[in-house]
């Protein structure tokens, strides 16, 4: 093989390898969720920003999101916790004494995006009607007293050992 063919092959391999090297996954750019756009409740957005936006740029990166393991907004006047399922490492969620959060809470629990959640406290949140707690395999403790829950359905919550509320409960896990 002459030197020109060797050089041509070397250049082709270098170009191919170089193009793959530039096509890497950048975790700092992957999420970049603007906090005030993603969380519509201004009180909740402010809490998220103050507690979890480490570089104070108004955005949440993948790293900042994955570092969130506990959220405690008890009594802050939060009305919506929509999009909370973004926090895939969340273990503890305390939203008690926020009477306006009831309607968004039902949506969140039904989403089942909180697969690492172990504790949920939602006392006195204005939940009125049925509550569906589903697809939370690590949830061990659920308290939601002081609401007007007529029926609570527990599905795919095998670790649940304690559920406190007033009214009827339908269980699929046998707590």
Protein backbone atom coordinates (compact mmCIF):
# COMPACT_ATOMS: atom_id res chain seq x y z
CA UNK A 1 0.00 0.00 0.00
CA UNK A 2 1.47 3.29 -0.95
CA UNK A 3 1.71 6.24 1.38
CA UNK A 4 -1.13 8.15 -0.34
CA UNK A 5 -3.64 5.36 0.24
CA UNK A 6 -2.53 5.06 3.87
CA UNK A 7 -2.84 8.79 4.35
CA UNK A 8 -6.30 8.82 2.70
CA UNK A 9 -7.55 6.03 4.98
CA UNK A 10 -6.07 7.73 8.02
CA UNK A 11 -7.78 11.01 7.10
CA UNK A 12 -11.13 9.28 6.53
CA UNK A 13 -10.93 7.48 9.88
CA UNK A 14 -9.91 10.72 11.60
CA UNK A 15 -12.81 12.61 10.05
CA UNK A 16 -15.29 9.92 11.05
CA UNK A 17 -13.95 9.70 14.63
CA UNK A 18 -13.84 13.47 14.91
CA UNK A 19 -17.46 13.82 13.89
CA UNK A 20 -18.52 11.31 16.57
CA UNK A 21 -16.43 13.05 19.20
CA UNK A 22 -18.29 16.29 18.56
CA UNK A 23 -21.65 14.55 18.84
CA UNK A 24 -21.64 13.91 22.57
CA UNK A 25 -24.50 14.36 25.02
CA UNK A 26 -24.05 17.57 26.99
CA UNK A 27 -25.81 17.26 30.37
CA UNK A 28 -25.57 20.94 31.14
CA UNK A 29 -27.62 21.78 28.05
CA UNK A 30 -29.98 18.79 28.12
CA UNK A 31 -32.62 20.09 30.52
CA UNK A 32 -32.33 23.85 30.81
CA UNK A 33 -35.88 24.25 32.06
CA UNK A 34 -36.66 27.90 32.68
CA UNK A 35 -38.11 27.84 36.18
CA UNK A 36 -40.70 30.59 35.77
CA UNK A 37 -42.00 29.07 32.52
CA UNK A 38 -42.06 25.47 33.72
CA UNK A 39 -43.64 26.06 37.15
CA UNK A 40 -46.65 28.34 36.70
CA UNK A 41 -47.34 28.97 40.40
CA UNK A 42 -45.15 31.97 41.31
CA UNK A 43 -44.71 30.88 44.94
CA UNK A 44 -43.70 27.37 43.94
CA UNK A 45 -41.37 28.71 41.22
CA UNK A 46 -39.71 31.03 43.74
CA UNK A 47 -39.19 28.13 46.17
CA UNK A 48 -37.69 25.94 43.43
CA UNK A 49 -35.42 28.78 42.32
CA UNK A 50 -34.20 29.61 45.83
CA UNK A 51 -33.68 26.02 46.89
CA UNK A 52 -32.43 24.20 43.80
CA UNK A 53 -31.09 26.63 41.17
CA UNK A 54 -27.48 26.32 42.32
CA UNK A 55 -25.96 28.63 39.73
CA UNK A 56 -28.84 31.15 40.06
CA UNK A 57 -29.32 31.43 36.30
CA UNK A 58 -33.11 30.94 36.35
CA UNK A 59 -32.87 27.50 34.73
CA UNK A 60 -32.66 23.95 36.08
CA UNK A 61 -30.01 21.68 34.61
CA UNK A 62 -30.18 17.87 34.64
CA UNK A 63 -27.79 17.84 37.60
CA UNK A 64 -29.81 20.35 39.59
CA UNK A 65 -32.98 18.37 38.87
CA UNK A 66 -31.50 15.01 39.85
CA UNK A 67 -30.16 16.45 43.12
CA UNK A 68 -33.66 17.31 44.40
CA UNK A 69 -34.69 14.67 46.95
CA UNK A 70 -37.00 16.68 49.23
CA UNK A 71 -39.51 19.47 48.70
CA UNK A 72 -41.19 21.16 51.67
CA UNK A 73 -43.62 23.95 50.78
CA UNK A 74 -45.93 23.51 53.76
CA UNK A 75 -48.05 26.58 54.45
CA UNK A 76 -46.43 28.78 51.79
CA UNK A 77 -49.66 29.45 49.89
CA UNK A 78 -48.79 27.28 46.90
CA UNK A 79 -51.75 26.70 44.58
CA UNK A 80 -50.17 24.45 41.98
CA UNK A 81 -47.36 21.92 41.92
CA UNK A 82 -47.82 21.03 38.26
CA UNK A 83 -44.77 19.53 36.54
CA UNK A 84 -43.34 18.28 39.83
CA UNK A 85 -42.72 14.89 38.21
CA UNK A 86 -39.60 16.44 36.63
CA UNK A 87 -37.86 15.69 39.94
CA UNK A 88 -37.10 12.03 39.32
CA UNK A 89 -35.06 11.62 42.53
CA UNK A 90 -37.71 13.12 44.82
CA UNK A 91 -38.18 11.08 48.02
CA UNK A 92 -40.11 13.43 50.31
CA UNK A 93 -42.88 15.82 49.32
CA UNK A 94 -44.52 17.98 51.99
CA UNK A 95 -47.26 20.26 50.70
CA UNK A 96 -49.58 20.40 53.72
CA UNK A 97 -51.54 23.55 54.63
CA UNK A 98 -51.80 24.87 51.09
CA UNK A 99 -55.60 24.87 50.60
CA UNK A 100 -55.46 25.78 46.91
CA UNK A 101 -53.18 22.95 45.80
CA UNK A 102 -55.85 20.22 45.87
CA UNK A 103 -56.75 20.09 42.19
CA UNK A 104 -53.15 19.95 40.95
CA UNK A 105 -52.25 17.35 43.57
CA UNK A 106 -54.74 14.86 42.15
CA UNK A 107 -53.16 15.30 38.71
CA UNK A 108 -49.66 14.82 40.07
CA UNK A 109 -50.43 11.64 41.95
CA UNK A 110 -52.22 10.14 38.96
CA UNK A 111 -49.19 10.81 36.73
CA UNK A 112 -47.07 8.30 38.59
CA UNK A 113 -43.91 10.14 37.64
CA UNK A 114 -42.72 10.23 41.23
CA UNK A 115 -41.32 6.70 41.28
CA UNK A 116 -38.74 7.38 44.02
CA UNK A 117 -41.18 9.12 46.40
CA UNK A 118 -41.29 7.51 49.86
CA UNK A 119 -43.20 10.13 51.87
CA UNK A 120 -46.12 12.31 50.81
CA UNK A 121 -47.74 14.74 53.24
CA UNK A 122 -50.74 16.61 51.83
CA UNK A 123 -52.81 17.51 54.89
CA UNK A 124 -55.28 20.42 54.62
CA UNK A 125 -54.72 20.92 50.88
CA UNK A 126 -58.29 21.42 49.75
CA UNK A 127 -58.57 18.05 48.05
CA UNK A 128 -62.28 17.58 47.37
CA UNK A 129 -63.50 14.29 45.96
CA UNK A 130 -61.54 11.25 44.86
CA UNK A 131 -57.79 10.85 45.18
CA UNK A 132 -55.85 8.39 43.04
CA UNK A 133 -52.40 7.41 44.30
CA UNK A 134 -50.86 5.31 41.55
CA UNK A 135 -47.54 3.98 40.26
CA UNK A 136 -45.44 5.02 43.23
CA UNK A 137 -43.57 1.81 43.99
CA UNK A 138 -41.46 3.23 46.86
CA UNK A 139 -44.16 5.24 48.66
CA UNK A 140 -44.24 4.07 52.30
CA UNK A 141 -46.07 6.91 54.06
CA UNK A 142 -49.07 8.91 52.87
CA UNK A 143 -50.90 11.43 55.06
CA UNK A 144 -53.70 13.55 53.70
CA UNK A 145 -55.97 14.40 56.62
CA UNK A 146 -58.07 17.55 56.78
CA UNK A 147 -59.28 17.22 53.19
CA UNK A 148 -62.70 16.31 51.83
CA UNK A 149 -61.58 13.04 50.24
CA UNK A 150 -64.56 10.78 49.60
CA UNK A 151 -62.61 7.95 48.01
CA UNK A 152 -58.89 7.14 47.87
CA UNK A 153 -57.62 4.59 45.36
CA UNK A 154 -54.19 3.05 45.94
CA UNK A 155 -52.75 1.23 42.92
CA UNK A 156 -49.21 -0.02 42.35
CA UNK A 157 -47.93 1.29 45.68
CA UNK A 158 -46.52 -1.99 47.06
CA UNK A 159 -44.30 -0.41 49.74
CA UNK A 160 -47.12 1.66 51.30
CA UNK A 161 -47.42 0.86 55.01
CA UNK A 162 -49.23 3.91 56.36
CA UNK A 163 -52.06 5.90 54.78
CA UNK A 164 -53.86 8.45 56.96
CA UNK A 165 -57.06 10.15 55.79
CA UNK A 166 -60.75 10.29 56.55
CA UNK A 167 -63.22 8.54 54.25
CA UNK A 168 -63.16 5.41 52.09
CA UNK A 169 -60.03 3.72 50.79
CA UNK A 170 -59.80 1.20 47.96
CA UNK A 171 -56.53 -0.68 48.09
CA UNK A 172 -54.77 -2.93 45.70
CA UNK A 173 -51.69 -3.48 47.88
CA UNK A 174 -53.24 -4.69 51.12
CA UNK A 175 -51.97 -2.14 53.63
